[in-house]
Amino acid sequence: MSNIIENQRYPIGRFEWTTKTTPADRAGWIRLIAGTPASLRDAVAGLSAQQLDTPYREGGWTVRQVVHHYADDHMNSYIRFKLALAEDAPLIKGYAEGVWAELPDARTAPIDPSLQLMDALHQRWVLAWESLKEPDWPRTFVHPTRGPVSLDQLAALYAWHGQHHVAQISRLREAKAWI
């Protein structure tokens, strides 16, 4: 992958899986997760339907698809989070995010329902993250291709994910002078 495509696809860099975390790391990740819905709203504020239907990079999803992806993906991860707390290392079901992004609702639906969903979902999720005790953080679910994923790793991933797609949209806005 060329540097230009890599930078467009991963404007804040690729996610790096970590196994060593501190309470300060966790608190920072929770703050980022809490801020994701507002950051996303800010990134798409004032965009026209035509702008929402613009891919953030050649061959990439449109802004509209990215917004709907957030809702789909974060719902899936919230359920995985809850399963890890309620069961011992449950095997979770993956989903084909690329296929979901091509479904009619992701390609054409207004973004406001997904933005509202993100607000409500993150309110619940942040309350749940903040309620975790030390023995909860290493709890895992088992991803069918990645293997065990701890709640520590999930928090780090979703702190990154929240910033990742917002950066894609923000860079597109800058490149197109939509700001």
Protein backbone atom coordinates (compact mmCIF):
# COMPACT_ATOMS: atom_id res chain seq x y z
CA MET A 1 0.00 0.00 0.00
CA SER A 2 1.45 3.38 -0.96
CA ASN A 3 2.14 5.94 1.76
CA ILE A 4 -0.55 8.26 0.42
CA ILE A 5 -3.24 5.56 0.50
CA GLU A 6 -2.01 4.34 3.90
CA ASN A 7 -2.21 7.89 5.30
CA GLN A 8 -5.70 8.39 3.86
CA ARG A 9 -6.91 5.06 5.16
CA TYR A 10 -5.20 5.34 8.58
CA PRO A 11 -4.74 9.08 9.19
CA ILE A 12 -3.88 8.52 12.88
CA GLY A 13 -1.92 5.34 12.16
CA ARG A 14 -2.96 1.72 12.46
CA PHE A 15 -4.21 0.42 15.78
CA GLU A 16 -1.53 -1.25 17.86
CA TRP A 17 -2.70 -4.08 20.13
CA THR A 18 -1.31 -3.74 23.62
CA THR A 19 -1.28 -6.07 26.58
CA LYS A 20 0.11 -3.77 29.29
CA THR A 21 -2.25 -1.07 30.58
CA THR A 22 -2.60 1.20 33.58
CA PRO A 23 -5.61 2.81 35.26
CA ALA A 24 -4.50 6.10 33.68
CA ASP A 25 -4.55 4.49 30.22
CA ARG A 26 -8.05 3.22 30.88
CA ALA A 27 -9.32 6.59 32.10
CA GLY A 28 -7.96 8.24 28.96
CA TRP A 29 -9.54 5.65 26.72
CA ILE A 30 -12.91 6.07 28.43
CA ARG A 31 -12.69 9.85 27.92
CA LEU A 32 -12.02 9.31 24.22
CA ILE A 33 -14.88 6.81 23.93
CA ALA A 34 -17.18 9.27 25.71
CA GLY A 35 -16.21 12.00 23.27
CA THR A 36 -16.68 9.96 20.10
CA PRO A 37 -20.32 10.93 19.39
CA ALA A 38 -19.60 14.66 19.74
CA SER A 39 -16.43 14.38 17.64
CA LEU A 40 -18.38 12.58 14.93
CA ARG A 41 -21.17 15.17 15.00
CA ASP A 42 -18.59 17.95 14.69
CA ALA A 43 -16.91 16.18 11.77
CA VAL A 44 -20.14 15.94 9.76
CA ALA A 45 -21.76 19.20 10.84
CA GLY A 46 -23.19 21.16 7.94
CA LEU A 47 -22.31 18.64 5.23
CA SER A 48 -24.71 18.45 2.29
CA ALA A 49 -26.16 15.21 0.95
CA GLN A 50 -23.64 15.36 -1.90
CA GLN A 51 -20.76 15.81 0.54
CA LEU A 52 -22.04 12.92 2.69
CA ASP A 53 -21.97 10.75 -0.42
CA THR A 54 -18.32 11.56 -1.13
CA PRO A 55 -15.77 8.82 -0.38
CA TYR A 56 -13.12 9.85 2.13
CA ARG A 57 -10.52 8.34 -0.25
CA GLU A 58 -10.51 6.69 -3.65
CA GLY A 59 -12.11 3.28 -3.22
CA GLY A 60 -13.16 4.08 0.34
CA TRP A 61 -16.50 4.44 2.00
CA THR A 62 -18.55 7.60 1.72
CA VAL A 63 -18.90 9.84 4.73
CA ARG A 64 -22.48 8.57 5.07
CA GLN A 65 -21.25 4.96 5.14
CA VAL A 66 -18.63 5.85 7.76
CA VAL A 67 -21.30 7.37 10.02
CA HIS A 68 -23.51 4.30 9.73
CA HIS A 69 -20.44 2.07 10.23
CA TYR A 70 -19.81 3.75 13.57
CA ALA A 71 -23.30 2.86 14.77
CA ASP A 72 -23.13 -0.71 13.45
CA ASP A 73 -19.65 -1.39 14.74
CA HIS A 74 -20.06 0.21 18.15
CA MET A 75 -23.33 -1.68 18.72
CA ASN A 76 -21.54 -4.93 17.93
CA SER A 77 -18.70 -4.04 20.27
CA TYR A 78 -21.03 -2.99 23.07
CA ILE A 79 -22.67 -6.42 22.90
CA ARG A 80 -19.24 -8.09 22.90
CA PHE A 81 -18.31 -6.01 25.96
CA LYS A 82 -21.45 -7.14 27.79
CA LEU A 83 -20.90 -10.78 26.79
CA ALA A 84 -17.35 -10.66 28.17
CA LEU A 85 -18.72 -9.41 31.49
CA ALA A 86 -21.58 -11.89 31.68
CA GLU A 87 -19.89 -15.06 30.40
CA ASP A 88 -16.50 -16.73 30.64
CA ALA A 89 -14.58 -16.01 27.42
CA PRO A 90 -17.58 -16.31 25.09
CA LEU A 91 -16.99 -16.96 21.41
CA ILE A 92 -18.50 -13.99 19.60
CA LYS A 93 -19.74 -13.78 16.05
CA GLY A 94 -17.84 -11.58 13.65
CA TYR A 95 -19.62 -9.54 11.04
CA ALA A 96 -18.75 -8.48 7.51
CA GLU A 97 -18.41 -4.73 8.03
CA GLY A 98 -17.69 -4.13 4.34
CA VAL A 99 -20.90 -5.93 3.37
CA TRP A 100 -22.86 -4.03 6.01
CA ALA A 101 -21.49 -0.75 4.61
CA GLU A 102 -22.94 -1.64 1.19
CA LEU A 103 -26.45 -2.41 2.47
CA PRO A 104 -29.09 0.14 1.36
CA ASP A 105 -29.50 1.74 4.77
CA ALA A 106 -25.75 2.41 5.05
CA ARG A 107 -25.54 3.78 1.52
CA THR A 108 -28.64 5.98 1.50
CA ALA A 109 -30.25 6.53 4.92
CA PRO A 110 -30.10 9.88 6.69
CA ILE A 111 -27.26 10.01 9.20
CA ASP A 112 -29.21 11.51 12.08
CA PRO A 113 -30.58 8.19 13.39
CA SER A 114 -27.05 6.78 13.56
CA LEU A 115 -25.81 9.94 15.30
CA GLN A 116 -28.64 9.65 17.85
CA LEU A 117 -27.88 5.97 18.32
CA MET A 118 -24.22 6.79 18.98
CA ASP A 119 -25.22 9.35 21.62
CA ALA A 120 -27.41 6.89 23.50
CA LEU A 121 -25.12 3.91 23.05
CA HIS A 122 -22.06 5.75 24.29
CA GLN A 123 -23.93 7.08 27.32
CA ARG A 124 -24.65 3.48 28.32
CA TRP A 125 -21.22 2.19 27.32
CA VAL A 126 -19.31 4.86 29.23
CA LEU A 127 -21.36 4.17 32.37
CA ALA A 128 -20.51 0.50 31.98
CA TRP A 129 -16.80 1.19 31.37
CA GLU A 130 -16.65 3.44 34.42
CA SER A 131 -18.26 0.76 36.61
CA LEU A 132 -15.57 -1.84 35.90
CA LYS A 133 -13.50 -3.09 38.82
CA GLU A 134 -9.86 -4.16 38.48
CA PRO A 135 -10.71 -7.89 38.06
CA ASP A 136 -13.07 -7.05 35.16
CA TRP A 137 -10.48 -5.51 32.83
CA PRO A 138 -8.72 -8.77 31.85
CA ARG A 139 -12.04 -10.48 31.05
CA THR A 140 -12.18 -11.59 27.44
CA PHE A 141 -14.35 -12.61 24.58
CA VAL A 142 -13.00 -14.79 21.81
CA HIS A 143 -13.06 -13.29 18.33
CA PRO A 144 -13.33 -15.95 15.59
CA THR A 145 -10.21 -14.72 13.76
CA ARG A 146 -8.30 -12.58 16.30
CA GLY A 147 -8.68 -14.91 19.28
CA PRO A 148 -9.06 -13.65 22.87
CA VAL A 149 -9.67 -9.91 23.26
CA SER A 150 -9.59 -8.43 26.77
CA LEU A 151 -11.71 -5.50 27.88
CA ASP A 152 -8.43 -3.58 28.25
CA GLN A 153 -7.73 -4.18 24.57
CA LEU A 154 -11.31 -3.37 23.60
CA ALA A 155 -11.12 -0.02 25.40
CA ALA A 156 -7.88 0.84 23.63
CA LEU A 157 -9.33 -0.23 20.28
CA TYR A 158 -12.49 1.86 20.62
CA ALA A 159 -10.63 4.91 21.85
CA TRP A 160 -8.59 4.60 18.63
CA HIS A 161 -11.62 3.73 16.46
CA GLY A 162 -13.47 6.82 17.63
CA GLN A 163 -10.65 9.04 16.43
CA HIS A 164 -9.80 6.99 13.32
CA HIS A 165 -12.90 7.64 11.22
CA VAL A 166 -13.36 11.19 12.49
CA ALA A 167 -9.85 11.90 11.19
CA GLN A 168 -10.78 10.41 7.80
CA ILE A 169 -13.78 12.74 7.55
CA SER A 170 -11.85 15.75 8.86
CA ARG A 171 -9.02 15.23 6.37
CA LEU A 172 -11.56 14.97 3.55
CA ARG A 173 -13.17 18.24 4.68
CA GLU A 174 -9.77 19.93 4.69
CA ALA A 175 -8.78 18.53 1.29
CA LYS A 176 -12.11 19.66 -0.24
CA ALA A 177 -12.09 23.00 1.65
CA TRP A 178 -15.47 22.17 3.21
CA ILE A 179 -14.47 23.80 6.48
